[in-house]
Protein backbone atom coordinates (compact mmCIF):
# COMPACT_ATOMS: atom_id res chain seq x y z
CA UNK A 1 59.35 103.55 63.85
CA UNK A 2 62.86 103.66 63.11
CA UNK A 3 65.42 104.35 66.33
CA UNK A 4 67.90 106.96 65.97
CA UNK A 5 70.89 104.67 66.15
CA UNK A 6 69.43 103.13 62.69
CA UNK A 7 69.38 106.77 60.98
CA UNK A 8 72.89 107.58 62.29
CA UNK A 9 71.54 110.54 64.39
CA UNK A 10 71.92 111.39 68.25
CA UNK A 11 69.49 112.70 70.32
CA UNK A 12 71.37 115.86 70.75
CA UNK A 13 70.68 115.89 66.67
CA UNK A 14 67.02 115.59 67.11
CA UNK A 15 66.07 117.74 70.21
CA UNK A 16 67.43 121.32 71.06
CA UNK A 17 70.07 121.11 73.80
CA UNK A 18 67.52 123.12 76.09
CA UNK A 19 64.73 120.05 75.53
CA UNK A 20 67.47 117.69 76.02
CA UNK A 21 68.26 119.33 79.41
CA UNK A 22 64.83 118.73 80.73
CA UNK A 23 64.60 115.23 79.81
CA UNK A 24 67.79 114.46 81.54
CA UNK A 25 67.60 116.23 84.28
CA UNK A 26 69.95 119.48 85.46
CA UNK A 27 69.53 122.60 83.88
CA UNK A 28 71.54 125.09 81.67
CA UNK A 29 74.00 127.93 82.84
CA UNK A 30 75.36 130.56 81.40
CA UNK A 31 78.82 130.94 82.32
CA UNK A 32 82.12 133.43 81.59
CA UNK A 33 85.56 133.27 82.69
CA UNK A 34 86.16 136.11 85.39
CA UNK A 35 83.95 137.95 87.89
CA UNK A 36 81.11 140.17 87.71
CA UNK A 37 81.68 143.50 85.75
CA UNK A 38 85.03 141.79 84.04
CA UNK A 39 86.25 142.38 80.59
CA UNK A 40 84.92 138.54 79.74
CA UNK A 41 81.76 139.25 80.87
CA UNK A 42 80.46 139.47 77.48
CA UNK A 43 82.01 136.16 76.21
CA UNK A 44 79.28 134.03 77.64
CA UNK A 45 79.01 130.37 76.72
CA UNK A 46 76.31 127.60 77.42
CA UNK A 47 76.96 124.63 79.97
CA UNK A 48 74.90 121.99 80.63
CA UNK A 49 75.11 120.63 84.40
CA UNK A 50 73.81 119.11 87.36
CA UNK A 51 73.56 122.14 89.17
CA UNK A 52 75.64 125.44 89.53
CA UNK A 53 78.75 123.84 91.25
CA UNK A 54 78.88 121.53 88.43
CA UNK A 55 78.67 124.23 86.01
CA UNK A 56 81.25 126.21 87.61
CA UNK A 57 83.58 123.01 87.68
CA UNK A 58 82.99 122.46 84.13
CA UNK A 59 83.13 126.13 82.76
CA UNK A 60 86.53 126.36 84.73
CA UNK A 61 87.87 123.63 83.06
CA UNK A 62 86.79 125.46 79.47
CA UNK A 63 88.31 128.75 80.99
CA UNK A 64 92.05 127.24 81.57
CA UNK A 65 91.53 125.41 77.92
CA UNK A 66 90.98 128.90 76.72
CA UNK A 67 93.96 130.66 78.53
CA UNK A 68 91.64 132.15 80.79
CA UNK A 69 92.32 130.02 83.77
CA UNK A 70 92.95 131.87 87.35
CA UNK A 71 90.41 134.71 86.75
CA UNK A 72 87.75 132.98 87.78
CA UNK A 73 84.35 131.97 86.83
CA UNK A 74 80.96 133.49 86.71
CA UNK A 75 78.02 131.15 85.84
CA UNK A 76 73.93 131.93 86.09
């Protein structure tokens, strides 16, 4: 059996992200910049995190980087 490193593959290349989350623990959260009912509700993105608090932190950074900081973050 070949190992992934010798093949030049990462575990993310072999497994779908949802499967990887189950192996590593944590969860996949659907997040967007802003609050429920806001104009960015349709611009959701996936965040892999240990818990909701971590997901909100990661999503907050992504919202800041995209220029949508300061309008809040929603994850479910």
